[in-house]
Amino acid sequence: NSTWLIGKPLQKDLGMALNRPVRLQNDANCFAVSEA
């Protein structure tokens, strides 16, 4: 629903910007993992 992200390689671009692998996940999935 943050439509400016749609169609963008966010994980790849963040990995390049931070010079490391990053893990990307849906925010609701992150919420479930935290509470678990």
PDB file of all heavy atoms in Angstrom:
ATOM      1  N   ASN A   1       0.821  -1.211   0.000  1.00  0.00           N
ATOM      2  CA  ASN A   1       0.000   0.000   0.000  1.00  0.00           C
ATOM      3  C   ASN A   1       0.857   1.265   0.000  1.00  0.00           C
ATOM      4  O   ASN A   1       0.358   2.352  -0.250  1.00  0.00           O
ATOM      5  CB  ASN A   1      -1.001   0.005   1.168  1.00  0.00           C
ATOM      6  CG  ASN A   1      -0.359  -0.211   2.523  1.00  0.00           C
ATOM      7  OD1 ASN A   1       0.843   0.016   2.678  1.00  0.00           O
ATOM      8  ND2 ASN A   1      -1.134  -0.654   3.489  1.00  0.00           N
ATOM      9  N   SER A   2       2.150   1.141   0.265  1.00  0.00           N
ATOM     10  CA  SER A   2       3.117   2.227  -0.005  1.00  0.00           C
ATOM     11  C   SER A   2       3.522   2.082  -1.465  1.00  0.00           C
ATOM     12  O   SER A   2       4.532   1.462  -1.819  1.00  0.00           O
ATOM     13  CB  SER A   2       4.329   2.103   0.924  1.00  0.00           C
ATOM     14  OG  SER A   2       3.946   2.243   2.280  1.00  0.00           O
ATOM     15  N   THR A   3       2.699   2.657  -2.327  1.00  0.00           N
ATOM     16  CA  THR A   3       2.726   2.285  -3.742  1.00  0.00           C
ATOM     17  C   THR A   3       4.034   2.644  -4.444  1.00  0.00           C
ATOM     18  O   THR A   3       4.342   2.080  -5.498  1.00  0.00           O
ATOM     19  CB  THR A   3       1.549   2.948  -4.489  1.00  0.00           C
ATOM     20  OG1 THR A   3       1.559   4.361  -4.232  1.00  0.00           O
ATOM     21  CG2 THR A   3       0.223   2.371  -4.001  1.00  0.00           C
ATOM     22  N   TRP A   4       4.811   3.596  -3.892  1.00  0.00           N
ATOM     23  CA  TRP A   4       6.077   3.961  -4.545  1.00  0.00           C
ATOM     24  C   TRP A   4       7.114   2.842  -4.473  1.00  0.00           C
ATOM     25  O   TRP A   4       8.125   2.886  -5.145  1.00  0.00           O
ATOM     26  CB  TRP A   4       6.648   5.233  -3.941  1.00  0.00           C
ATOM     27  CG  TRP A   4       7.054   5.133  -2.501  1.00  0.00           C
ATOM     28  CD1 TRP A   4       8.293   4.825  -2.014  1.00  0.00           C
ATOM     29  CD2 TRP A   4       6.229   5.346  -1.357  1.00  0.00           C
ATOM     30  NE1 TRP A   4       8.292   4.830  -0.644  1.00  0.00           N
ATOM     31  CE2 TRP A   4       7.034   5.147  -0.211  1.00  0.00           C
ATOM     32  CE3 TRP A   4       4.891   5.689  -1.175  1.00  0.00           C
ATOM     33  CZ2 TRP A   4       6.539   5.274   1.092  1.00  0.00           C
ATOM     34  CZ3 TRP A   4       4.398   5.820   0.114  1.00  0.00           C
ATOM     35  CH2 TRP A   4       5.213   5.616   1.228  1.00  0.00           C
ATOM     36  N   LEU A   5       6.839   1.813  -3.662  1.00  0.00           N
ATOM     37  CA  LEU A   5       7.749   0.669  -3.580  1.00  0.00           C
ATOM     38  C   LEU A   5       7.456  -0.389  -4.641  1.00  0.00           C
ATOM     39  O   LEU A   5       8.317  -1.220  -4.947  1.00  0.00           O
ATOM     40  CB  LEU A   5       7.642   0.016  -2.195  1.00  0.00           C
ATOM     41  CG  LEU A   5       7.929   0.892  -0.977  1.00  0.00           C
ATOM     42  CD1 LEU A   5       7.673   0.095   0.296  1.00  0.00           C
ATOM     43  CD2 LEU A   5       9.352   1.424  -1.010  1.00  0.00           C
ATOM     44  N   ILE A   6       6.245  -0.375  -5.171  1.00  0.00           N
ATOM     45  CA  ILE A   6       5.823  -1.430  -6.088  1.00  0.00           C
ATOM     46  C   ILE A   6       6.702  -1.433  -7.339  1.00  0.00           C
ATOM     47  O   ILE A   6       6.963  -0.392  -7.956  1.00  0.00           O
ATOM     48  CB  ILE A   6       4.336  -1.266  -6.463  1.00  0.00           C
ATOM     49  CG1 ILE A   6       3.448  -1.507  -5.233  1.00  0.00           C
ATOM     50  CG2 ILE A   6       3.940  -2.222  -7.584  1.00  0.00           C
ATOM     51  CD1 ILE A   6       1.973  -1.277  -5.487  1.00  0.00           C
ATOM     52  N   GLY A   7       7.156  -2.628  -7.694  1.00  0.00           N
ATOM     53  CA  GLY A   7       7.979  -2.789  -8.879  1.00  0.00           C
ATOM     54  C   GLY A   7       9.449  -2.468  -8.673  1.00  0.00           C
ATOM     55  O   GLY A   7      10.224  -2.490  -9.633  1.00  0.00           O
ATOM     56  N   LYS A   8       9.846  -2.185  -7.423  1.00  0.00           N
ATOM     57  CA  LYS A   8      11.236  -1.832  -7.144  1.00  0.00           C
ATOM     58  C   LYS A   8      11.980  -3.018  -6.526  1.00  0.00           C
ATOM     59  O   LYS A   8      11.415  -3.778  -5.738  1.00  0.00           O
ATOM     60  CB  LYS A   8      11.315  -0.649  -6.182  1.00  0.00           C
ATOM     61  CG  LYS A   8      10.605   0.603  -6.672  1.00  0.00           C
ATOM     62  CD  LYS A   8      11.270   1.193  -7.896  1.00  0.00           C
ATOM     63  CE  LYS A   8      10.640   2.531  -8.262  1.00  0.00           C
ATOM     64  NZ  LYS A   8      11.250   3.128  -9.463  1.00  0.00           N
ATOM     65  N   PRO A   9      13.280  -3.156  -6.824  1.00  0.00           N
ATOM     66  CA  PRO A   9      14.089  -4.236  -6.240  1.00  0.00           C
ATOM     67  C   PRO A   9      14.622  -3.814  -4.861  1.00  0.00           C
ATOM     68  O   PRO A   9      15.833  -3.623  -4.672  1.00  0.00           O
ATOM     69  CB  PRO A   9      15.211  -4.416  -7.262  1.00  0.00           C
ATOM     70  CG  PRO A   9      15.400  -3.046  -7.835  1.00  0.00           C
ATOM     71  CD  PRO A   9      14.027  -2.402  -7.854  1.00  0.00           C
ATOM     72  N   LEU A  10      13.735  -3.665  -3.907  1.00  0.00           N
ATOM     73  CA  LEU A  10      14.084  -3.075  -2.616  1.00  0.00           C
ATOM     74  C   LEU A  10      15.164  -3.876  -1.898  1.00  0.00           C
ATOM     75  O   LEU A  10      16.127  -3.302  -1.363  1.00  0.00           O
ATOM     76  CB  LEU A  10      12.834  -2.952  -1.736  1.00  0.00           C
ATOM     77  CG  LEU A  10      13.030  -2.303  -0.366  1.00  0.00           C
ATOM     78  CD1 LEU A  10      13.513  -0.863  -0.520  1.00  0.00           C
ATOM     79  CD2 LEU A  10      11.717  -2.343   0.431  1.00  0.00           C
ATOM     80  N   GLN A  11      15.025  -5.178  -1.854  1.00  0.00           N
ATOM     81  CA  GLN A  11      16.012  -5.995  -1.143  1.00  0.00           C
ATOM     82  C   GLN A  11      17.396  -5.873  -1.796  1.00  0.00           C
ATOM     83  O   GLN A  11      18.404  -5.706  -1.106  1.00  0.00           O
ATOM     84  CB  GLN A  11      15.568  -7.451  -1.113  1.00  0.00           C
ATOM     85  CG  GLN A  11      16.469  -8.352  -0.285  1.00  0.00           C
ATOM     86  CD  GLN A  11      15.862  -9.732  -0.092  1.00  0.00           C
ATOM     87  OE1 GLN A  11      14.938 -10.137  -0.791  1.00  0.00           O
ATOM     88  NE2 GLN A  11      16.378 -10.466   0.874  1.00  0.00           N
ATOM     89  N   LYS A  12      17.449  -5.925  -3.104  1.00  0.00           N
ATOM     90  CA  LYS A  12      18.715  -5.803  -3.821  1.00  0.00           C
ATOM     91  C   LYS A  12      19.345  -4.429  -3.596  1.00  0.00           C
ATOM     92  O   LYS A  12      20.545  -4.307  -3.304  1.00  0.00           O
ATOM     93  CB  LYS A  12      18.480  -6.030  -5.317  1.00  0.00           C
ATOM     94  CG  LYS A  12      19.724  -5.861  -6.177  1.00  0.00           C
ATOM     95  CD  LYS A  12      19.387  -6.042  -7.659  1.00  0.00           C
ATOM     96  CE  LYS A  12      20.590  -5.771  -8.541  1.00  0.00           C
ATOM     97  NZ  LYS A  12      20.258  -5.908  -9.987  1.00  0.00           N
ATOM     98  N   ASP A  13      18.534  -3.377  -3.686  1.00  0.00           N
ATOM     99  CA  ASP A  13      19.067  -2.023  -3.554  1.00  0.00           C
ATOM    100  C   ASP A  13      19.555  -1.748  -2.135  1.00  0.00           C
ATOM    101  O   ASP A  13      20.582  -1.083  -1.941  1.00  0.00           O
ATOM    102  CB  ASP A  13      18.005  -1.005  -3.958  1.00  0.00           C
ATOM    103  CG  ASP A  13      17.767  -0.974  -5.462  1.00  0.00           C
ATOM    104  OD1 ASP A  13      18.613  -1.523  -6.203  1.00  0.00           O
ATOM    105  OD2 ASP A  13      16.732  -0.431  -5.891  1.00  0.00           O
ATOM    106  N   LEU A  14      18.834  -2.265  -1.132  1.00  0.00           N
ATOM    107  CA  LEU A  14      19.287  -2.084   0.247  1.00  0.00           C
ATOM    108  C   LEU A  14      20.562  -2.878   0.513  1.00  0.00           C
ATOM    109  O   LEU A  14      21.457  -2.409   1.219  1.00  0.00           O
ATOM    110  CB  LEU A  14      18.188  -2.497   1.223  1.00  0.00           C
ATOM    111  CG  LEU A  14      17.040  -1.498   1.384  1.00  0.00           C
ATOM    112  CD1 LEU A  14      15.929  -2.108   2.212  1.00  0.00           C
ATOM    113  CD2 LEU A  14      17.529  -0.199   2.013  1.00  0.00           C
ATOM    114  N   GLY A  15      20.648  -4.084  -0.058  1.00  0.00           N
ATOM    115  CA  GLY A  15      21.860  -4.873   0.099  1.00  0.00           C
ATOM    116  C   GLY A  15      23.074  -4.171  -0.477  1.00  0.00           C
ATOM    117  O   GLY A  15      24.160  -4.183   0.114  1.00  0.00           O
ATOM    118  N   MET A  16      22.887  -3.519  -1.634  1.00  0.00           N
ATOM    119  CA  MET A  16      23.996  -2.780  -2.249  1.00  0.00           C
ATOM    120  C   MET A  16      24.347  -1.543  -1.412  1.00  0.00           C
ATOM    121  O   MET A  16      25.522  -1.226  -1.202  1.00  0.00           O
ATOM    122  CB  MET A  16      23.620  -2.380  -3.675  1.00  0.00           C
ATOM    123  CG  MET A  16      23.509  -3.550  -4.639  1.00  0.00           C
ATOM    124  SD  MET A  16      23.003  -3.044  -6.302  1.00  0.00           S
ATOM    125  CE  MET A  16      24.382  -1.989  -6.759  1.00  0.00           C
ATOM    126  N   ALA A  17      23.324  -0.840  -0.929  1.00  0.00           N
ATOM    127  CA  ALA A  17      23.570   0.378  -0.161  1.00  0.00           C
ATOM    128  C   ALA A  17      24.271   0.077   1.159  1.00  0.00           C
ATOM    129  O   ALA A  17      25.093   0.874   1.632  1.00  0.00           O
ATOM    130  CB  ALA A  17      22.257   1.110   0.090  1.00  0.00           C
ATOM    131  N   LEU A  18      23.948  -1.068   1.760  1.00  0.00           N
ATOM    132  CA  LEU A  18      24.518  -1.428   3.067  1.00  0.00           C
ATOM    133  C   LEU A  18      25.711  -2.375   2.949  1.00  0.00           C
ATOM    134  O   LEU A  18      26.322  -2.725   3.954  1.00  0.00           O
ATOM    135  CB  LEU A  18      23.435  -2.064   3.943  1.00  0.00           C
ATOM    136  CG  LEU A  18      22.307  -1.123   4.374  1.00  0.00           C
ATOM    137  CD1 LEU A  18      21.145  -1.909   4.981  1.00  0.00           C
ATOM    138  CD2 LEU A  18      22.814  -0.077   5.349  1.00  0.00           C
ATOM    139  N   ASN A  19      25.979  -2.827   1.728  1.00  0.00           N
ATOM    140  CA  ASN A  19      27.127  -3.707   1.463  1.00  0.00           C
ATOM    141  C   ASN A  19      27.061  -4.993   2.285  1.00  0.00           C
ATOM    142  O   ASN A  19      28.051  -5.422   2.873  1.00  0.00           O
ATOM    143  CB  ASN A  19      28.448  -2.972   1.735  1.00  0.00           C
ATOM    144  CG  ASN A  19      29.649  -3.703   1.155  1.00  0.00           C
ATOM    145  OD1 ASN A  19      29.529  -4.393   0.138  1.00  0.00           O
ATOM    146  ND2 ASN A  19      30.799  -3.576   1.792  1.00  0.00           N
ATOM    147  N   ARG A  20      25.882  -5.603   2.298  1.00  0.00           N
ATOM    148  CA  ARG A  20      25.695  -6.883   2.995  1.00  0.00           C
ATOM    149  C   ARG A  20      24.338  -7.451   2.577  1.00  0.00           C
ATOM    150  O   ARG A  20      23.470  -6.709   2.104  1.00  0.00           O
ATOM    151  CB  ARG A  20      25.730  -6.687   4.504  1.00  0.00           C
ATOM    152  CG  ARG A  20      24.453  -6.103   5.092  1.00  0.00           C
ATOM    153  CD  ARG A  20      24.621  -5.565   6.477  1.00  0.00           C
ATOM    154  NE  ARG A  20      25.320  -4.284   6.439  1.00  0.00           N
ATOM    155  CZ  ARG A  20      25.539  -3.543   7.537  1.00  0.00           C
ATOM    156  NH1 ARG A  20      25.164  -3.958   8.715  1.00  0.00           N
ATOM    157  NH2 ARG A  20      26.155  -2.378   7.437  1.00  0.00           N
ATOM    158  N   PRO A  21      24.121  -8.745   2.791  1.00  0.00           N
ATOM    159  CA  PRO A  21      22.780  -9.272   2.546  1.00  0.00           C
ATOM    160  C   PRO A  21      21.799  -8.754   3.590  1.00  0.00           C
ATOM    161  O   PRO A  21      22.153  -8.592   4.771  1.00  0.00           O
ATOM    162  CB  PRO A  21      22.969 -10.786   2.668  1.00  0.00           C
ATOM    163  CG  PRO A  21      24.174 -10.952   3.520  1.00  0.00           C
ATOM    164  CD  PRO A  21      25.071  -9.791   3.213  1.00  0.00           C
ATOM    165  N   VAL A  22      20.599  -8.421   3.166  1.00  0.00           N
ATOM    166  CA  VAL A  22      19.535  -8.058   4.092  1.00  0.00           C
ATOM    167  C   VAL A  22      18.372  -9.015   3.871  1.00  0.00           C
ATOM    168  O   VAL A  22      18.230  -9.603   2.790  1.00  0.00           O
ATOM    169  CB  VAL A  22      19.067  -6.600   3.897  1.00  0.00           C
ATOM    170  CG1 VAL A  22      20.206  -5.625   4.091  1.00  0.00           C
ATOM    171  CG2 VAL A  22      18.423  -6.405   2.531  1.00  0.00           C
ATOM    172  N   ARG A  23      17.572  -9.192   4.899  1.00  0.00           N
ATOM    173  CA  ARG A  23      16.380 -10.029   4.780  1.00  0.00           C
ATOM    174  C   ARG A  23      15.150  -9.126   4.801  1.00  0.00           C
ATOM    175  O   ARG A  23      15.032  -8.244   5.642  1.00  0.00           O
ATOM    176  CB  ARG A  23      16.339 -11.065   5.897  1.00  0.00           C
ATOM    177  CG  ARG A  23      17.464 -12.078   5.753  1.00  0.00           C
ATOM    178  CD  ARG A  23      17.400 -13.206   6.744  1.00  0.00           C
ATOM    179  NE  ARG A  23      18.485 -14.156   6.485  1.00  0.00           N
ATOM    180  CZ  ARG A  23      18.753 -15.224   7.237  1.00  0.00           C
ATOM    181  NH1 ARG A  23      17.992 -15.489   8.312  1.00  0.00           N
ATOM    182  NH2 ARG A  23      19.756 -16.024   6.922  1.00  0.00           N
ATOM    183  N   LEU A  24      14.256  -9.374   3.868  1.00  0.00           N
ATOM    184  CA  LEU A  24      13.076  -8.547   3.653  1.00  0.00           C
ATOM    185  C   LEU A  24      11.846  -9.415   3.869  1.00  0.00           C
ATOM    186  O   LEU A  24      11.780 -10.545   3.394  1.00  0.00           O
ATOM    187  CB  LEU A  24      13.091  -7.996   2.224  1.00  0.00           C
ATOM    188  CG  LEU A  24      12.014  -7.010   1.816  1.00  0.00           C
ATOM    189  CD1 LEU A  24      12.222  -5.675   2.500  1.00  0.00           C
ATOM    190  CD2 LEU A  24      12.043  -6.821   0.288  1.00  0.00           C
ATOM    191  N   GLN A  25      10.876  -8.879   4.589  1.00  0.00           N
ATOM    192  CA  GLN A  25       9.687  -9.670   4.875  1.00  0.00           C
ATOM    193  C   GLN A  25       8.484  -8.744   5.053  1.00  0.00           C
ATOM    194  O   GLN A  25       8.623  -7.563   5.415  1.00  0.00           O
ATOM    195  CB  GLN A  25       9.909 -10.498   6.146  1.00  0.00           C
ATOM    196  CG  GLN A  25       8.882 -11.556   6.428  1.00  0.00           C
ATOM    197  CD  GLN A  25       8.672 -12.495   5.261  1.00  0.00           C
ATOM    198  OE1 GLN A  25       7.741 -12.290   4.473  1.00  0.00           O
ATOM    199  NE2 GLN A  25       9.514 -13.506   5.126  1.00  0.00           N
ATOM    200  N   ASN A  26       7.324  -9.274   4.801  1.00  0.00           N
ATOM    201  CA  ASN A  26       6.080  -8.556   5.044  1.00  0.00           C
ATOM    202  C   ASN A  26       5.993  -8.129   6.507  1.00  0.00           C
ATOM    203  O   ASN A  26       6.392  -8.861   7.411  1.00  0.00           O
ATOM    204  CB  ASN A  26       4.908  -9.473   4.670  1.00  0.00           C
ATOM    205  CG  ASN A  26       3.570  -8.862   5.007  1.00  0.00           C
ATOM    206  OD1 ASN A  26       3.031  -9.101   6.070  1.00  0.00           O
ATOM    207  ND2 ASN A  26       3.035  -8.084   4.100  1.00  0.00           N
ATOM    208  N   ASP A  27       5.457  -6.940   6.769  1.00  0.00           N
ATOM    209  CA  ASP A  27       5.444  -6.418   8.128  1.00  0.00           C
ATOM    210  C   ASP A  27       4.576  -7.258   9.069  1.00  0.00           C
ATOM    211  O   ASP A  27       4.905  -7.406  10.263  1.00  0.00           O
ATOM    212  CB  ASP A  27       5.014  -4.950   8.153  1.00  0.00           C
ATOM    213  CG  ASP A  27       3.722  -4.677   7.394  1.00  0.00           C
ATOM    214  OD1 ASP A  27       3.089  -5.624   6.893  1.00  0.00           O
ATOM    215  OD2 ASP A  27       3.350  -3.488   7.286  1.00  0.00           O
ATOM    216  N   ALA A  28       3.496  -7.835   8.569  1.00  0.00           N
ATOM    217  CA  ALA A  28       2.666  -8.686   9.417  1.00  0.00           C
ATOM    218  C   ALA A  28       3.403  -9.973   9.777  1.00  0.00           C
ATOM    219  O   ALA A  28       3.243 -10.509  10.885  1.00  0.00           O
ATOM    220  CB  ALA A  28       1.343  -9.011   8.726  1.00  0.00           C
ATOM    221  N   ASN A  29       4.209 -10.484   8.851  1.00  0.00           N
ATOM    222  CA  ASN A  29       5.022 -11.657   9.159  1.00  0.00           C
ATOM    223  C   ASN A  29       6.029 -11.337  10.265  1.00  0.00           C
ATOM    224  O   ASN A  29       6.279 -12.149  11.157  1.00  0.00           O
ATOM    225  CB  ASN A  29       5.764 -12.133   7.910  1.00  0.00           C
ATOM    226  CG  ASN A  29       4.840 -12.735   6.873  1.00  0.00           C
ATOM    227  OD1 ASN A  29       3.682 -13.011   7.143  1.00  0.00           O
ATOM    228  ND2 ASN A  29       5.348 -12.916   5.671  1.00  0.00           N
ATOM    229  N   CYS A  30       6.606 -10.136  10.198  1.00  0.00           N
ATOM    230  CA  CYS A  30       7.552  -9.717  11.247  1.00  0.00           C
ATOM    231  C   CYS A  30       6.846  -9.633  12.595  1.00  0.00           C
ATOM    232  O   CYS A  30       7.402 -10.025  13.633  1.00  0.00           O
ATOM    233  CB  CYS A  30       8.172  -8.376  10.890  1.00  0.00           C
ATOM    234  SG  CYS A  30       9.260  -8.428   9.458  1.00  0.00           S
ATOM    235  N   PHE A  31       5.632  -9.123  12.595  1.00  0.00           N
ATOM    236  CA  PHE A  31       4.845  -9.038  13.823  1.00  0.00           C
ATOM    237  C   PHE A  31       4.628 -10.428  14.417  1.00  0.00           C
ATOM    238  O   PHE A  31       4.805 -10.652  15.622  1.00  0.00           O
ATOM    239  CB  PHE A  31       3.501  -8.365  13.511  1.00  0.00           C
ATOM    240  CG  PHE A  31       2.500  -8.397  14.629  1.00  0.00           C
ATOM    241  CD1 PHE A  31       2.635  -7.570  15.727  1.00  0.00           C
ATOM    242  CD2 PHE A  31       1.403  -9.250  14.573  1.00  0.00           C
ATOM    243  CE1 PHE A  31       1.707  -7.589  16.755  1.00  0.00           C
ATOM    244  CE2 PHE A  31       0.475  -9.280  15.588  1.00  0.00           C
ATOM    245  CZ  PHE A  31       0.621  -8.441  16.690  1.00  0.00           C
ATOM    246  N   ALA A  32       4.266 -11.386  13.566  1.00  0.00           N
ATOM    247  CA  ALA A  32       4.034 -12.750  14.052  1.00  0.00           C
ATOM    248  C   ALA A  32       5.307 -13.366  14.611  1.00  0.00           C
ATOM    249  O   ALA A  32       5.285 -14.026  15.659  1.00  0.00           O
ATOM    250  CB  ALA A  32       3.474 -13.618  12.921  1.00  0.00           C
ATOM    251  N   VAL A  33       6.432 -13.152  13.941  1.00  0.00           N
ATOM    252  CA  VAL A  33       7.708 -13.696  14.407  1.00  0.00           C
ATOM    253  C   VAL A  33       8.077 -13.106  15.764  1.00  0.00           C
ATOM    254  O   VAL A  33       8.504 -13.815  16.688  1.00  0.00           O
ATOM    255  CB  VAL A  33       8.817 -13.436  13.373  1.00  0.00           C
ATOM    256  CG1 VAL A  33      10.189 -13.698  13.962  1.00  0.00           C
ATOM    257  CG2 VAL A  33       8.610 -14.311  12.135  1.00  0.00           C
ATOM    258  N   SER A  34       7.910 -11.791  15.909  1.00  0.00           N
ATOM    259  CA  SER A  34       8.231 -11.144  17.174  1.00  0.00           C
ATOM    260  C   SER A  34       7.431 -11.728  18.329  1.00  0.00           C
ATOM    261  O   SER A  34       7.975 -12.061  19.386  1.00  0.00           O
ATOM    262  CB  SER A  34       7.973  -9.634  17.071  1.00  0.00           C
ATOM    263  OG  SER A  34       8.118  -9.000  18.323  1.00  0.00           O
ATOM    264  N   GLU A  35       6.131 -11.862  18.123  1.00  0.00           N
ATOM    265  CA  GLU A  35       5.278 -12.368  19.199  1.00  0.00           C
ATOM    266  C   GLU A  35       5.499 -13.856  19.446  1.00  0.00           C
ATOM    267  O   GLU A  35       5.238 -14.350  20.542  1.00  0.00           O
ATOM    268  CB  GLU A  35       3.811 -12.089  18.877  1.00  0.00           C
ATOM    269  CG  GLU A  35       3.446 -10.609  18.923  1.00  0.00           C
ATOM    270  CD  GLU A  35       3.656  -9.980  20.299  1.00  0.00           C
ATOM    271  OE1 GLU A  35       3.333 -10.636  21.306  1.00  0.00           O
ATOM    272  OE2 GLU A  35       4.145  -8.832  20.363  1.00  0.00           O
ATOM    273  N   ALA A  36       6.016 -14.565  18.443  1.00  0.00           N
ATOM    274  CA  ALA A  36       6.313 -15.991  18.624  1.00  0.00           C
ATOM    275  C   ALA A  36       7.615 -16.209  19.377  1.00  0.00           C
ATOM    276  O   ALA A  36       7.736 -17.142  20.185  1.00  0.00           O
ATOM    277  CB  ALA A  36       6.371 -16.687  17.266  1.00  0.00           C
TER     278      ALA A  36
END
